[in-house]
Amino acid sequence: MIHVGFDSPPIKKGLLLPDGTKGKEFVANLGVSVTTYDKEKFESSYENAISAGFKKFGLERKKRIYKGADLVGQTLENAPIK
C-alpha cells in the first residue's frame, strides 16, 4: 500500500529593494509531499533521524512529529544556517 503525507504552509517574505527601502511582501504557498511504500521503514528512519538530531545538540525531544518551524523554534541558536 502507498502512504502519502503532505504539508503546505504559506510563506511571507518582505522584499528589500536595491536602494535599501522595503518593497512589497512576497506571499506564496510552499508545498511538499512524501510518498512511501514502506510505512514502518519510513517511521523508523524518521524516528532515528529526529532522535539523533536532538541527541547531537543535547536537547530534549518534546513532540513525536516535528515540522520545520517547530524544530527551529526549539533548537534556536543550534539550528543550522546555510
C-alpha atoms as a PDB file:
ATOM      1  CA  MET A   1       0.000   0.000   0.000  1.00  0.00           C
ATOM      2  CA  ILE A   2       1.190   3.524  -0.776  1.00  0.00           C
ATOM      3  CA  HIS A   3       1.291   6.062   2.079  1.00  0.00           C
ATOM      4  CA  VAL A   4       1.431   9.802   1.388  1.00  0.00           C
ATOM      5  CA  GLY A   5       1.943  12.820   3.667  1.00  0.00           C
ATOM      6  CA  PHE A   6       1.537  16.492   2.759  1.00  0.00           C
ATOM      7  CA  ASP A   7       2.397  19.872   4.226  1.00  0.00           C
ATOM      8  CA  SER A   8       1.857  23.226   2.524  1.00  0.00           C
ATOM      9  CA  PRO A   9       2.221  26.274   4.761  1.00  0.00           C
ATOM     10  CA  PRO A  10       2.002  29.817   3.400  1.00  0.00           C
ATOM     11  CA  ILE A  11       5.274  31.733   3.464  1.00  0.00           C
ATOM     12  CA  LYS A  12       5.711  35.510   3.614  1.00  0.00           C
ATOM     13  CA  LYS A  13       8.899  37.386   2.939  1.00  0.00           C
ATOM     14  CA  GLY A  14       9.453  41.107   2.843  1.00  0.00           C
ATOM     15  CA  LEU A  15      11.420  42.305  -0.156  1.00  0.00           C
ATOM     16  CA  LEU A  16      14.355  44.686   0.211  1.00  0.00           C
ATOM     17  CA  LEU A  17      14.949  46.867  -2.841  1.00  0.00           C
ATOM     18  CA  PRO A  18      18.466  47.720  -4.114  1.00  0.00           C
ATOM     19  CA  ASP A  19      18.159  51.239  -2.661  1.00  0.00           C
ATOM     20  CA  GLY A  20      17.548  49.761   0.819  1.00  0.00           C
ATOM     21  CA  THR A  21      13.829  50.518   1.001  1.00  0.00           C
ATOM     22  CA  LYS A  22      11.180  47.916   1.643  1.00  0.00           C
ATOM     23  CA  GLY A  23       9.216  46.619  -1.329  1.00  0.00           C
ATOM     24  CA  LYS A  24       6.003  44.625  -1.417  1.00  0.00           C
ATOM     25  CA  GLU A  25       5.685  41.496   0.655  1.00  0.00           C
ATOM     26  CA  PHE A  26       6.085  38.222  -1.243  1.00  0.00           C
ATOM     27  CA  VAL A  27       3.412  35.661  -0.317  1.00  0.00           C
ATOM     28  CA  ALA A  28       3.243  32.087  -1.628  1.00  0.00           C
ATOM     29  CA  ASN A  29       2.319  28.557  -0.630  1.00  0.00           C
ATOM     30  CA  LEU A  30       5.220  26.179  -0.182  1.00  0.00           C
ATOM     31  CA  GLY A  31       4.178  22.562  -0.567  1.00  0.00           C
ATOM     32  CA  VAL A  32       5.911  19.266  -0.009  1.00  0.00           C
ATOM     33  CA  SER A  33       4.793  15.662  -0.050  1.00  0.00           C
ATOM     34  CA  VAL A  34       6.342  12.353   0.897  1.00  0.00           C
ATOM     35  CA  THR A  35       5.326   9.036  -0.644  1.00  0.00           C
ATOM     36  CA  THR A  36       6.441   5.642   0.622  1.00  0.00           C
ATOM     37  CA  TYR A  37       5.556   2.002   0.100  1.00  0.00           C
ATOM     38  CA  ASP A  38       7.116   1.001   3.417  1.00  0.00           C
ATOM     39  CA  LYS A  39       5.400   2.958   6.193  1.00  0.00           C
ATOM     40  CA  GLU A  40       7.232   1.156   9.012  1.00  0.00           C
ATOM     41  CA  LYS A  41      10.656   1.804   7.469  1.00  0.00           C
ATOM     42  CA  PHE A  42       9.791   5.478   6.910  1.00  0.00           C
ATOM     43  CA  GLU A  43       8.588   5.862  10.512  1.00  0.00           C
ATOM     44  CA  SER A  44      11.704   4.129  11.826  1.00  0.00           C
ATOM     45  CA  SER A  45      14.028   6.283   9.696  1.00  0.00           C
ATOM     46  CA  TYR A  46      12.205   9.464  10.749  1.00  0.00           C
ATOM     47  CA  GLU A  47      12.376   8.455  14.426  1.00  0.00           C
ATOM     48  CA  ASN A  48      16.105   7.713  14.181  1.00  0.00           C
ATOM     49  CA  ALA A  49      16.891  10.989  12.380  1.00  0.00           C
ATOM     50  CA  ILE A  50      14.912  13.190  14.789  1.00  0.00           C
ATOM     51  CA  SER A  51      16.301  11.428  17.866  1.00  0.00           C
ATOM     52  CA  ALA A  52      19.881  11.671  16.549  1.00  0.00           C
ATOM     53  CA  GLY A  53      19.483  15.397  15.887  1.00  0.00           C
ATOM     54  CA  PHE A  54      18.215  16.132  19.378  1.00  0.00           C
ATOM     55  CA  LYS A  55      20.924  13.964  20.922  1.00  0.00           C
ATOM     56  CA  LYS A  56      23.616  15.726  18.874  1.00  0.00           C
ATOM     57  CA  PHE A  57      22.582  19.115  20.264  1.00  0.00           C
ATOM     58  CA  GLY A  58      21.816  17.831  23.783  1.00  0.00           C
ATOM     59  CA  LEU A  59      18.175  18.885  23.560  1.00  0.00           C
ATOM     60  CA  GLU A  60      15.029  17.303  24.963  1.00  0.00           C
ATOM     61  CA  ARG A  61      12.548  15.961  22.443  1.00  0.00           C
ATOM     62  CA  LYS A  62       9.090  17.346  23.270  1.00  0.00           C
ATOM     63  CA  LYS A  63       6.990  16.092  20.358  1.00  0.00           C
ATOM     64  CA  ARG A  64       6.573  12.891  18.396  1.00  0.00           C
ATOM     65  CA  ILE A  65       6.352  14.618  14.994  1.00  0.00           C
ATOM     66  CA  TYR A  66       8.056  17.893  14.093  1.00  0.00           C
ATOM     67  CA  LYS A  67       7.627  20.392  11.292  1.00  0.00           C
ATOM     68  CA  GLY A  68      10.493  22.656  10.288  1.00  0.00           C
ATOM     69  CA  ALA A  69       9.221  25.685  12.214  1.00  0.00           C
ATOM     70  CA  ASP A  70       8.906  23.588  15.391  1.00  0.00           C
ATOM     71  CA  LEU A  71      12.499  22.391  15.036  1.00  0.00           C
ATOM     72  CA  VAL A  72      13.854  25.901  14.554  1.00  0.00           C
ATOM     73  CA  GLY A  73      11.742  27.203  17.445  1.00  0.00           C
ATOM     74  CA  GLN A  74      13.029  24.528  19.804  1.00  0.00           C
ATOM     75  CA  THR A  75      16.667  24.488  18.687  1.00  0.00           C
ATOM     76  CA  LEU A  76      17.048  28.276  18.243  1.00  0.00           C
ATOM     77  CA  GLU A  77      20.757  29.096  18.039  1.00  0.00           C
ATOM     78  CA  ASN A  78      21.632  25.448  17.339  1.00  0.00           C
ATOM     79  CA  ALA A  79      19.687  25.488  14.043  1.00  0.00           C
ATOM     80  CA  PRO A  80      21.990  25.058  11.047  1.00  0.00           C
ATOM     81  CA  ILE A  81      22.287  28.072   8.759  1.00  0.00           C
ATOM     82  CA  LYS A  82      23.114  27.540   5.102  1.00  0.00           C
END
